[in-house]
Amino acid sequence: MDSPNSSVTPPSCARGCGFFGSAENRNMCSKCYTDYLKQEIIAKTNSAPEPSPASNSLSNKIATCINIKEAAAEEEETAKTVPVAKNRCESCNKKVGVTGFACRCGKVLCGTHRYPKEHCCTFDFKRADRDLLVKQNPLVKGNKMDNRL
Protein backbone atom coordinates (compact mmCIF):
# COMPACT_ATOMS: atom_id res chain seq x y z
CA MET A 1 0.00 0.00 0.00
CA ASP A 2 1.36 3.42 -0.91
CA SER A 3 2.06 5.91 1.79
CA PRO A 4 0.32 9.28 1.51
CA ASN A 5 3.65 11.10 1.17
CA SER A 6 4.93 9.07 -1.79
CA SER A 7 4.32 10.70 -5.13
CA VAL A 8 3.23 8.56 -8.04
CA THR A 9 3.55 10.17 -11.44
CA PRO A 10 0.77 9.32 -13.86
CA PRO A 11 1.79 7.63 -17.11
CA SER A 12 2.60 9.85 -20.05
CA CYS A 13 0.26 9.92 -23.04
CA ALA A 14 0.31 6.75 -25.17
CA ARG A 15 0.53 8.86 -28.32
CA GLY A 16 3.66 10.63 -27.09
CA CYS A 17 2.33 14.20 -27.05
CA GLY A 18 4.06 14.96 -23.74
CA PHE A 19 1.01 15.29 -21.51
CA PHE A 20 -0.10 12.80 -18.88
CA GLY A 21 -2.63 10.11 -19.71
CA SER A 22 -5.16 8.27 -17.60
CA ALA A 23 -6.40 4.70 -17.51
CA GLU A 24 -9.94 5.91 -18.24
CA ASN A 25 -8.74 7.34 -21.57
CA ARG A 26 -6.63 4.31 -22.61
CA ASN A 27 -3.47 5.98 -21.23
CA MET A 28 -3.99 9.02 -23.48
CA CYS A 29 -4.43 12.67 -22.59
CA SER A 30 -7.90 14.14 -23.08
CA LYS A 31 -7.08 15.79 -26.43
CA CYS A 32 -5.52 12.65 -27.93
CA TYR A 33 -8.42 10.58 -26.63
CA THR A 34 -11.02 12.82 -28.31
CA ASP A 35 -8.98 12.68 -31.54
CA TYR A 36 -8.89 8.90 -31.20
CA LEU A 37 -12.67 8.76 -30.75
CA LYS A 38 -13.18 10.98 -33.82
CA GLN A 39 -10.99 8.73 -35.94
CA GLU A 40 -12.81 5.66 -34.65
CA ILE A 41 -16.21 7.15 -35.53
CA ILE A 42 -15.03 8.17 -39.00
CA ALA A 43 -13.59 4.68 -39.60
CA LYS A 44 -16.85 3.05 -38.50
CA THR A 45 -19.00 5.30 -40.69
CA ASN A 46 -16.78 4.72 -43.73
CA SER A 47 -16.57 0.93 -43.32
CA ALA A 48 -20.15 0.15 -42.21
CA PRO A 49 -22.86 0.65 -44.87
CA GLU A 50 -25.83 1.59 -42.67
CA PRO A 51 -25.72 1.01 -38.91
CA SER A 52 -28.82 0.07 -37.00
CA PRO A 53 -30.57 2.81 -34.97
CA ALA A 54 -29.39 1.27 -31.68
CA SER A 55 -25.68 1.40 -32.59
CA ASN A 56 -26.15 4.78 -34.25
CA SER A 57 -27.38 6.25 -30.98
CA LEU A 58 -24.09 5.34 -29.28
CA SER A 59 -22.03 7.02 -32.00
CA ASN A 60 -24.36 10.05 -31.81
CA LYS A 61 -23.80 10.27 -28.07
CA ILE A 62 -20.03 10.09 -28.53
CA ALA A 63 -20.13 12.68 -31.32
CA THR A 64 -22.31 14.97 -29.20
CA CYS A 65 -19.91 14.59 -26.28
CA ILE A 66 -16.96 15.42 -28.53
CA ASN A 67 -18.75 18.48 -29.96
CA ILE A 68 -19.53 19.74 -26.46
CA LYS A 69 -15.90 19.29 -25.41
CA GLU A 70 -14.67 21.09 -28.54
CA ALA A 71 -17.05 24.01 -27.96
CA ALA A 72 -15.91 24.27 -24.34
CA ALA A 73 -12.26 24.17 -25.43
CA GLU A 74 -12.86 26.93 -28.00
CA GLU A 75 -14.58 29.09 -25.39
CA GLU A 76 -11.66 28.58 -23.02
CA GLU A 77 -9.17 29.55 -25.74
CA THR A 78 -11.08 32.73 -26.60
CA ALA A 79 -11.43 33.55 -22.90
CA LYS A 80 -7.67 33.17 -22.49
CA THR A 81 -6.80 35.36 -25.48
CA VAL A 82 -9.29 38.21 -24.85
CA PRO A 83 -8.02 39.76 -21.59
CA VAL A 84 -4.46 40.33 -22.82
CA ALA A 85 -3.54 43.90 -21.89
CA LYS A 86 -1.75 45.96 -24.51
CA ASN A 87 0.93 48.07 -22.93
CA ARG A 88 2.97 49.15 -25.96
CA CYS A 89 2.35 51.65 -28.73
CA GLU A 90 1.49 49.82 -31.94
CA SER A 91 3.36 52.37 -34.07
CA CYS A 92 6.68 52.79 -32.27
CA ASN A 93 6.53 49.89 -29.75
CA LYS A 94 7.16 52.29 -26.86
CA LYS A 95 5.88 51.25 -23.43
CA VAL A 96 2.75 53.23 -22.63
CA GLY A 97 1.45 51.56 -19.46
CA VAL A 98 -1.57 53.33 -17.99
CA THR A 99 -1.16 56.46 -20.12
CA GLY A 100 -1.83 54.68 -23.42
CA PHE A 101 -4.46 56.13 -25.73
CA ALA A 102 -7.00 53.72 -27.20
CA CYS A 103 -8.00 54.63 -30.75
CA ARG A 104 -11.36 53.72 -32.27
CA CYS A 105 -9.51 51.50 -34.75
CA GLY A 106 -8.56 49.23 -31.84
CA LYS A 107 -4.91 50.23 -31.40
CA VAL A 108 -3.23 51.38 -28.20
CA LEU A 109 -0.88 54.29 -28.86
CA CYS A 110 1.55 56.61 -27.14
CA GLY A 111 1.06 60.37 -26.83
CA THR A 112 2.94 61.05 -30.05
CA HIS A 113 0.92 58.67 -32.21
CA ARG A 114 -2.51 59.20 -30.64
CA TYR A 115 -3.81 61.31 -33.54
CA PRO A 116 -5.27 59.46 -36.55
CA LYS A 117 -2.83 60.97 -39.05
CA GLU A 118 0.17 59.98 -36.94
CA HIS A 119 -0.60 56.26 -36.91
CA CYS A 120 -2.29 55.87 -40.32
CA CYS A 121 -5.68 55.11 -38.81
CA THR A 122 -7.97 52.93 -40.91
CA PHE A 123 -11.14 53.82 -39.00
CA ASP A 124 -13.74 55.76 -40.99
CA PHE A 125 -14.71 58.50 -38.54
CA LYS A 126 -17.16 60.22 -40.92
CA ARG A 127 -19.11 57.03 -41.57
CA ALA A 128 -19.25 56.16 -37.85
CA ASP A 129 -20.46 59.64 -36.90
CA ARG A 130 -23.06 59.67 -39.68
CA ASP A 131 -24.37 56.29 -38.56
CA LEU A 132 -24.53 57.56 -34.98
CA LEU A 133 -26.51 60.64 -36.04
CA VAL A 134 -28.96 58.55 -38.05
CA LYS A 135 -29.46 56.23 -35.10
CA GLN A 136 -29.92 59.03 -32.56
CA ASN A 137 -32.13 61.26 -34.75
CA PRO A 138 -34.80 59.22 -36.49
CA LEU A 139 -36.78 60.88 -39.24
CA VAL A 140 -40.00 62.31 -37.85
CA LYS A 141 -42.85 62.81 -40.29
CA GLY A 142 -46.43 63.66 -39.59
CA ASN A 143 -49.28 61.76 -41.18
CA LYS A 144 -50.26 63.32 -44.45
CA MET A 145 -53.78 64.54 -44.45
CA ASP A 146 -56.09 64.24 -47.39
CA ASN A 147 -56.98 67.79 -48.53
CA ARG A 148 -60.26 66.77 -50.14
CA LEU A 149 -63.27 68.36 -48.46
C-alpha atoms as a PDB file:
ATOM      1  CA  MET A   1       0.000   0.000   0.000  1.00  0.00           C
ATOM      2  CA  ASP A   2       1.361   3.425  -0.913  1.00  0.00           C
ATOM      3  CA  SER A   3       2.064   5.907   1.791  1.00  0.00           C
ATOM      4  CA  PRO A   4       0.317   9.282   1.511  1.00  0.00           C
ATOM      5  CA  ASN A   5       3.655  11.099   1.174  1.00  0.00           C
ATOM      6  CA  SER A   6       4.931   9.074  -1.790  1.00  0.00           C
ATOM      7  CA  SER A   7       4.318  10.700  -5.132  1.00  0.00           C
ATOM      8  CA  VAL A   8       3.225   8.559  -8.035  1.00  0.00           C
ATOM      9  CA  THR A   9       3.550  10.171 -11.436  1.00  0.00           C
ATOM     10  CA  PRO A  10       0.772   9.318 -13.859  1.00  0.00           C
ATOM     11  CA  PRO A  11       1.789   7.626 -17.113  1.00  0.00           C
ATOM     12  CA  SER A  12       2.605   9.850 -20.050  1.00  0.00           C
ATOM     13  CA  CYS A  13       0.259   9.924 -23.039  1.00  0.00           C
ATOM     14  CA  ALA A  14       0.308   6.750 -25.168  1.00  0.00           C
ATOM     15  CA  ARG A  15       0.528   8.860 -28.322  1.00  0.00           C
ATOM     16  CA  GLY A  16       3.663  10.626 -27.086  1.00  0.00           C
ATOM     17  CA  CYS A  17       2.334  14.197 -27.052  1.00  0.00           C
ATOM     18  CA  GLY A  18       4.063  14.964 -23.739  1.00  0.00           C
ATOM     19  CA  PHE A  19       1.009  15.294 -21.513  1.00  0.00           C
ATOM     20  CA  PHE A  20      -0.101  12.795 -18.884  1.00  0.00           C
ATOM     21  CA  GLY A  21      -2.634  10.112 -19.705  1.00  0.00           C
ATOM     22  CA  SER A  22      -5.159   8.275 -17.601  1.00  0.00           C
ATOM     23  CA  ALA A  23      -6.399   4.696 -17.508  1.00  0.00           C
ATOM     24  CA  GLU A  24      -9.944   5.907 -18.244  1.00  0.00           C
ATOM     25  CA  ASN A  25      -8.739   7.339 -21.570  1.00  0.00           C
ATOM     26  CA  ARG A  26      -6.626   4.311 -22.609  1.00  0.00           C
ATOM     27  CA  ASN A  27      -3.472   5.980 -21.233  1.00  0.00           C
ATOM     28  CA  MET A  28      -3.993   9.016 -23.478  1.00  0.00           C
ATOM     29  CA  CYS A  29      -4.428  12.666 -22.589  1.00  0.00           C
ATOM     30  CA  SER A  30      -7.899  14.142 -23.083  1.00  0.00           C
ATOM     31  CA  LYS A  31      -7.078  15.793 -26.435  1.00  0.00           C
ATOM     32  CA  CYS A  32      -5.518  12.654 -27.925  1.00  0.00           C
ATOM     33  CA  TYR A  33      -8.422  10.584 -26.625  1.00  0.00           C
ATOM     34  CA  THR A  34     -11.023  12.815 -28.313  1.00  0.00           C
ATOM     35  CA  ASP A  35      -8.980  12.683 -31.538  1.00  0.00           C
ATOM     36  CA  TYR A  36      -8.892   8.901 -31.198  1.00  0.00           C
ATOM     37  CA  LEU A  37     -12.670   8.764 -30.751  1.00  0.00           C
ATOM     38  CA  LYS A  38     -13.184  10.980 -33.817  1.00  0.00           C
ATOM     39  CA  GLN A  39     -10.985   8.726 -35.945  1.00  0.00           C
ATOM     40  CA  GLU A  40     -12.808   5.664 -34.653  1.00  0.00           C
ATOM     41  CA  ILE A  41     -16.208   7.151 -35.528  1.00  0.00           C
ATOM     42  CA  ILE A  42     -15.025   8.166 -39.000  1.00  0.00           C
ATOM     43  CA  ALA A  43     -13.590   4.681 -39.596  1.00  0.00           C
ATOM     44  CA  LYS A  44     -16.847   3.052 -38.500  1.00  0.00           C
ATOM     45  CA  THR A  45     -18.996   5.302 -40.686  1.00  0.00           C
ATOM     46  CA  ASN A  46     -16.784   4.720 -43.729  1.00  0.00           C
ATOM     47  CA  SER A  47     -16.575   0.930 -43.319  1.00  0.00           C
ATOM     48  CA  ALA A  48     -20.148   0.153 -42.208  1.00  0.00           C
ATOM     49  CA  PRO A  49     -22.862   0.648 -44.874  1.00  0.00           C
ATOM     50  CA  GLU A  50     -25.827   1.590 -42.667  1.00  0.00           C
ATOM     51  CA  PRO A  51     -25.722   1.012 -38.913  1.00  0.00           C
ATOM     52  CA  SER A  52     -28.819   0.067 -36.999  1.00  0.00           C
ATOM     53  CA  PRO A  53     -30.568   2.812 -34.972  1.00  0.00           C
ATOM     54  CA  ALA A  54     -29.392   1.268 -31.680  1.00  0.00           C
ATOM     55  CA  SER A  55     -25.683   1.404 -32.590  1.00  0.00           C
ATOM     56  CA  ASN A  56     -26.151   4.777 -34.248  1.00  0.00           C
ATOM     57  CA  SER A  57     -27.378   6.254 -30.977  1.00  0.00           C
ATOM     58  CA  LEU A  58     -24.087   5.338 -29.280  1.00  0.00           C
ATOM     59  CA  SER A  59     -22.032   7.024 -32.000  1.00  0.00           C
ATOM     60  CA  ASN A  60     -24.359  10.052 -31.810  1.00  0.00           C
ATOM     61  CA  LYS A  61     -23.798  10.270 -28.072  1.00  0.00           C
ATOM     62  CA  ILE A  62     -20.031  10.086 -28.529  1.00  0.00           C
ATOM     63  CA  ALA A  63     -20.129  12.675 -31.323  1.00  0.00           C
ATOM     64  CA  THR A  64     -22.306  14.975 -29.195  1.00  0.00           C
ATOM     65  CA  CYS A  65     -19.907  14.593 -26.279  1.00  0.00           C
ATOM     66  CA  ILE A  66     -16.958  15.424 -28.534  1.00  0.00           C
ATOM     67  CA  ASN A  67     -18.754  18.482 -29.962  1.00  0.00           C
ATOM     68  CA  ILE A  68     -19.533  19.745 -26.460  1.00  0.00           C
ATOM     69  CA  LYS A  69     -15.895  19.286 -25.414  1.00  0.00           C
ATOM     70  CA  GLU A  70     -14.671  21.093 -28.540  1.00  0.00           C
ATOM     71  CA  ALA A  71     -17.052  24.012 -27.962  1.00  0.00           C
ATOM     72  CA  ALA A  72     -15.909  24.274 -24.337  1.00  0.00           C
ATOM     73  CA  ALA A  73     -12.265  24.168 -25.426  1.00  0.00           C
ATOM     74  CA  GLU A  74     -12.859  26.933 -28.002  1.00  0.00           C
ATOM     75  CA  GLU A  75     -14.583  29.092 -25.389  1.00  0.00           C
ATOM     76  CA  GLU A  76     -11.659  28.579 -23.016  1.00  0.00           C
ATOM     77  CA  GLU A  77      -9.172  29.546 -25.737  1.00  0.00           C
ATOM     78  CA  THR A  78     -11.076  32.726 -26.598  1.00  0.00           C
ATOM     79  CA  ALA A  79     -11.428  33.554 -22.904  1.00  0.00           C
ATOM     80  CA  LYS A  80      -7.667  33.169 -22.491  1.00  0.00           C
ATOM     81  CA  THR A  81      -6.797  35.364 -25.476  1.00  0.00           C
ATOM     82  CA  VAL A  82      -9.289  38.207 -24.847  1.00  0.00           C
ATOM     83  CA  PRO A  83      -8.021  39.759 -21.592  1.00  0.00           C
ATOM     84  CA  VAL A  84      -4.459  40.328 -22.816  1.00  0.00           C
ATOM     85  CA  ALA A  85      -3.540  43.898 -21.890  1.00  0.00           C
ATOM     86  CA  LYS A  86      -1.755  45.959 -24.512  1.00  0.00           C
ATOM     87  CA  ASN A  87       0.931  48.067 -22.926  1.00  0.00           C
ATOM     88  CA  ARG A  88       2.971  49.153 -25.960  1.00  0.00           C
ATOM     89  CA  CYS A  89       2.353  51.653 -28.734  1.00  0.00           C
ATOM     90  CA  GLU A  90       1.491  49.825 -31.938  1.00  0.00           C
ATOM     91  CA  SER A  91       3.364  52.374 -34.071  1.00  0.00           C
ATOM     92  CA  CYS A  92       6.683  52.787 -32.269  1.00  0.00           C
ATOM     93  CA  ASN A  93       6.533  49.887 -29.751  1.00  0.00           C
ATOM     94  CA  LYS A  94       7.161  52.285 -26.862  1.00  0.00           C
ATOM     95  CA  LYS A  95       5.883  51.247 -23.428  1.00  0.00           C
ATOM     96  CA  VAL A  96       2.746  53.227 -22.631  1.00  0.00           C
ATOM     97  CA  GLY A  97       1.454  51.557 -19.459  1.00  0.00           C
ATOM     98  CA  VAL A  98      -1.573  53.332 -17.992  1.00  0.00           C
ATOM     99  CA  THR A  99      -1.158  56.460 -20.117  1.00  0.00           C
ATOM    100  CA  GLY A 100      -1.829  54.679 -23.421  1.00  0.00           C
ATOM    101  CA  PHE A 101      -4.463  56.129 -25.734  1.00  0.00           C
ATOM    102  CA  ALA A 102      -7.004  53.715 -27.203  1.00  0.00           C
ATOM    103  CA  CYS A 103      -8.000  54.625 -30.749  1.00  0.00           C
ATOM    104  CA  ARG A 104     -11.358  53.722 -32.269  1.00  0.00           C
ATOM    105  CA  CYS A 105      -9.514  51.503 -34.752  1.00  0.00           C
ATOM    106  CA  GLY A 106      -8.556  49.233 -31.840  1.00  0.00           C
ATOM    107  CA  LYS A 107      -4.913  50.226 -31.403  1.00  0.00           C
ATOM    108  CA  VAL A 108      -3.230  51.385 -28.201  1.00  0.00           C
ATOM    109  CA  LEU A 109      -0.878  54.288 -28.863  1.00  0.00           C
ATOM    110  CA  CYS A 110       1.552  56.609 -27.135  1.00  0.00           C
ATOM    111  CA  GLY A 111       1.061  60.373 -26.826  1.00  0.00           C
ATOM    112  CA  THR A 112       2.940  61.054 -30.053  1.00  0.00           C
ATOM    113  CA  HIS A 113       0.921  58.668 -32.209  1.00  0.00           C
ATOM    114  CA  ARG A 114      -2.509  59.204 -30.642  1.00  0.00           C
ATOM    115  CA  TYR A 115      -3.805  61.311 -33.536  1.00  0.00           C
ATOM    116  CA  PRO A 116      -5.269  59.461 -36.546  1.00  0.00           C
ATOM    117  CA  LYS A 117      -2.829  60.970 -39.048  1.00  0.00           C
ATOM    118  CA  GLU A 118       0.166  59.980 -36.937  1.00  0.00           C
ATOM    119  CA  HIS A 119      -0.603  56.258 -36.912  1.00  0.00           C
ATOM    120  CA  CYS A 120      -2.293  55.871 -40.325  1.00  0.00           C
ATOM    121  CA  CYS A 121      -5.681  55.111 -38.811  1.00  0.00           C
ATOM    122  CA  THR A 122      -7.971  52.927 -40.906  1.00  0.00           C
ATOM    123  CA  PHE A 123     -11.137  53.819 -38.998  1.00  0.00           C
ATOM    124  CA  ASP A 124     -13.740  55.765 -40.991  1.00  0.00           C
ATOM    125  CA  PHE A 125     -14.714  58.505 -38.535  1.00  0.00           C
ATOM    126  CA  LYS A 126     -17.164  60.216 -40.924  1.00  0.00           C
ATOM    127  CA  ARG A 127     -19.115  57.028 -41.568  1.00  0.00           C
ATOM    128  CA  ALA A 128     -19.245  56.160 -37.847  1.00  0.00           C
ATOM    129  CA  ASP A 129     -20.462  59.642 -36.898  1.00  0.00           C
ATOM    130  CA  ARG A 130     -23.060  59.675 -39.681  1.00  0.00           C
ATOM    131  CA  ASP A 131     -24.370  56.288 -38.561  1.00  0.00           C
ATOM    132  CA  LEU A 132     -24.531  57.557 -34.984  1.00  0.00           C
ATOM    133  CA  LEU A 133     -26.510  60.641 -36.041  1.00  0.00           C
ATOM    134  CA  VAL A 134     -28.957  58.547 -38.052  1.00  0.00           C
ATOM    135  CA  LYS A 135     -29.461  56.228 -35.104  1.00  0.00           C
ATOM    136  CA  GLN A 136     -29.920  59.035 -32.562  1.00  0.00           C
ATOM    137  CA  ASN A 137     -32.127  61.257 -34.751  1.00  0.00           C
ATOM    138  CA  PRO A 138     -34.797  59.225 -36.486  1.00  0.00           C
ATOM    139  CA  LEU A 139     -36.775  60.881 -39.239  1.00  0.00           C
ATOM    140  CA  VAL A 140     -40.001  62.313 -37.853  1.00  0.00           C
ATOM    141  CA  LYS A 141     -42.853  62.809 -40.290  1.00  0.00           C
ATOM    142  CA  GLY A 142     -46.434  63.663 -39.588  1.00  0.00           C
ATOM    143  CA  ASN A 143     -49.285  61.763 -41.175  1.00  0.00           C
ATOM    144  CA  LYS A 144     -50.255  63.323 -44.446  1.00  0.00           C
ATOM    145  CA  MET A 145     -53.779  64.536 -44.453  1.00  0.00           C
ATOM    146  CA  ASP A 146     -56.094  64.241 -47.390  1.00  0.00           C
ATOM    147  CA  ASN A 147     -56.982  67.793 -48.527  1.00  0.00           C
ATOM    148  CA  ARG A 148     -60.261  66.770 -50.139  1.00  0.00           C
ATOM    149  CA  LEU A 149     -63.271  68.364 -48.462  1.00  0.00           C
END
